[in-house]
């Protein structure tokens, strides 16, 4: 926000350079967070009340929460773990069609189950 304010009200070269550096650092941090929640490969294990994902550097276990969403060909899973919550992005291009359909059904079931209990 500070860099946006500086760009609007200051016209010196130093403030513009500062804005560019701050925005580049923010972009880098966000890009790393997106890469961390979008794994390239791993194994998904779906059980009736439990979701597990195991990759080379990431292991997640918990329940699919009602915050999970569908965006285009991606499923954004919000996993309620035992000690903390995780986001995980699964792309339809990264898994076979049958596995994607099962994951989508499990996500819809988790969302509908929470909505019905209210």
Protein backbone atom coordinates (compact mmCIF):
# COMPACT_ATOMS: atom_id res chain seq x y z
CA UNK A 1 0.00 0.00 0.00
CA UNK A 2 2.87 2.32 0.79
CA UNK A 3 4.34 1.84 -2.67
CA UNK A 4 0.98 2.70 -4.26
CA UNK A 5 0.76 5.92 -2.23
CA UNK A 6 4.31 6.85 -3.17
CA UNK A 7 3.57 6.33 -6.85
CA UNK A 8 0.54 8.60 -6.67
CA UNK A 9 1.96 11.51 -4.71
CA UNK A 10 5.70 11.51 -5.26
CA UNK A 11 7.27 12.08 -8.63
CA UNK A 12 10.95 11.69 -7.84
CA UNK A 13 13.02 8.96 -9.43
CA UNK A 14 13.98 7.57 -6.03
CA UNK A 15 10.35 7.04 -5.00
CA UNK A 16 9.57 5.30 -8.30
CA UNK A 17 12.56 3.01 -7.85
CA UNK A 18 11.45 2.27 -4.29
CA UNK A 19 7.96 1.39 -5.55
CA UNK A 20 9.36 -0.97 -8.13
CA UNK A 21 11.55 -2.74 -5.59
CA UNK A 22 8.73 -3.11 -3.05
CA UNK A 23 6.35 -4.46 -5.72
CA UNK A 24 8.98 -6.88 -7.01
CA UNK A 25 9.54 -8.24 -3.49
CA UNK A 26 5.80 -8.61 -2.93
CA UNK A 27 5.46 -10.43 -6.26
CA UNK A 28 8.30 -12.78 -5.37
CA UNK A 29 6.78 -13.61 -1.98
CA UNK A 30 3.35 -14.26 -3.48
CA UNK A 31 4.82 -16.37 -6.30
CA UNK A 32 6.62 -18.57 -3.77
CA UNK A 33 3.40 -19.02 -1.79
CA UNK A 34 1.50 -20.03 -4.93
CA UNK A 35 4.19 -22.54 -5.87
CA UNK A 36 4.12 -23.99 -2.35
CA UNK A 37 0.39 -24.72 -2.49
CA UNK A 38 0.42 -25.98 -6.08
CA UNK A 39 2.55 -29.15 -6.02
CA UNK A 40 3.79 -30.69 -9.26
CA UNK A 41 3.46 -34.30 -8.22
CA UNK A 42 2.25 -36.37 -5.32
CA UNK A 43 -0.25 -38.97 -4.24
CA UNK A 44 -3.81 -38.17 -3.14
CA UNK A 45 -5.58 -40.62 -0.85
CA UNK A 46 -9.31 -40.06 -0.36
CA UNK A 47 -11.06 -41.78 2.51
CA UNK A 48 -14.64 -41.10 3.67
CA UNK A 49 -13.69 -38.47 6.27
CA UNK A 50 -10.00 -38.02 5.57
CA UNK A 51 -7.89 -36.44 2.83
CA UNK A 52 -4.18 -37.16 2.54
CA UNK A 53 -1.63 -35.76 0.12
CA UNK A 54 1.96 -36.91 0.04
CA UNK A 55 4.54 -35.30 -2.21
CA UNK A 56 8.30 -34.98 -2.16
CA UNK A 57 8.33 -31.93 0.09
CA UNK A 58 4.73 -31.66 1.27
CA UNK A 59 2.59 -33.97 3.41
CA UNK A 60 -0.94 -32.90 4.29
CA UNK A 61 -3.58 -34.80 6.23
CA UNK A 62 -7.01 -33.61 7.32
CA UNK A 63 -10.59 -32.99 6.21
CA UNK A 64 -11.76 -31.04 3.17
CA UNK A 65 -13.51 -27.94 4.51
CA UNK A 66 -16.38 -25.90 3.10
CA UNK A 67 -13.95 -23.13 2.08
CA UNK A 68 -12.82 -25.28 -0.86
CA UNK A 69 -13.75 -23.91 -4.29
CA UNK A 70 -13.68 -24.70 -8.01
CA UNK A 71 -12.03 -22.22 -10.38
CA UNK A 72 -12.04 -23.30 -14.02
CA UNK A 73 -10.06 -26.53 -14.26
CA UNK A 74 -8.62 -26.18 -10.77
CA UNK A 75 -9.82 -27.29 -7.38
CA UNK A 76 -8.67 -25.11 -4.50
CA UNK A 77 -8.81 -27.38 -1.45
CA UNK A 78 -8.85 -25.99 2.05
CA UNK A 79 -7.70 -28.82 4.29
CA UNK A 80 -8.45 -28.66 8.02
CA UNK A 81 -5.51 -30.43 9.59
CA UNK A 82 -4.87 -31.50 13.13
CA UNK A 83 -2.64 -28.59 14.08
CA UNK A 84 -3.10 -26.12 11.21
CA UNK A 85 -4.96 -25.55 7.95
CA UNK A 86 -3.52 -25.82 4.43
CA UNK A 87 -4.46 -24.73 0.92
CA UNK A 88 -3.77 -27.09 -1.95
CA UNK A 89 -4.42 -26.41 -5.65
CA UNK A 90 -5.09 -29.45 -7.85
CA UNK A 91 -5.22 -28.91 -11.61
CA UNK A 92 -7.31 -31.08 -13.94
CA UNK A 93 -4.33 -31.26 -16.30
CA UNK A 94 -2.16 -32.79 -13.58
CA UNK A 95 -4.31 -35.85 -12.79
CA UNK A 96 -6.23 -38.38 -14.81
CA UNK A 97 -9.91 -37.80 -15.51
CA UNK A 98 -11.23 -40.41 -13.08
CA UNK A 99 -9.14 -39.15 -10.15
CA UNK A 100 -10.18 -35.56 -10.85
CA UNK A 101 -13.86 -36.60 -10.87
CA UNK A 102 -13.47 -38.42 -7.54
CA UNK A 103 -11.73 -35.43 -5.98
CA UNK A 104 -14.42 -33.10 -7.30
CA UNK A 105 -17.19 -35.33 -5.87
CA UNK A 106 -15.44 -35.47 -2.49
CA UNK A 107 -15.11 -31.69 -2.46
CA UNK A 108 -18.74 -31.14 -3.41
CA UNK A 109 -19.76 -33.65 -0.74
CA UNK A 110 -17.72 -31.84 1.91
CA UNK A 111 -19.20 -28.47 0.93
CA UNK A 112 -22.78 -29.80 0.83
CA UNK A 113 -22.39 -31.71 4.11
CA UNK A 114 -21.44 -28.54 5.96
CA UNK A 115 -24.23 -26.54 4.30
CA UNK A 116 -26.87 -29.16 5.16
CA UNK A 117 -25.84 -29.28 8.82
CA UNK A 118 -26.51 -25.53 9.27
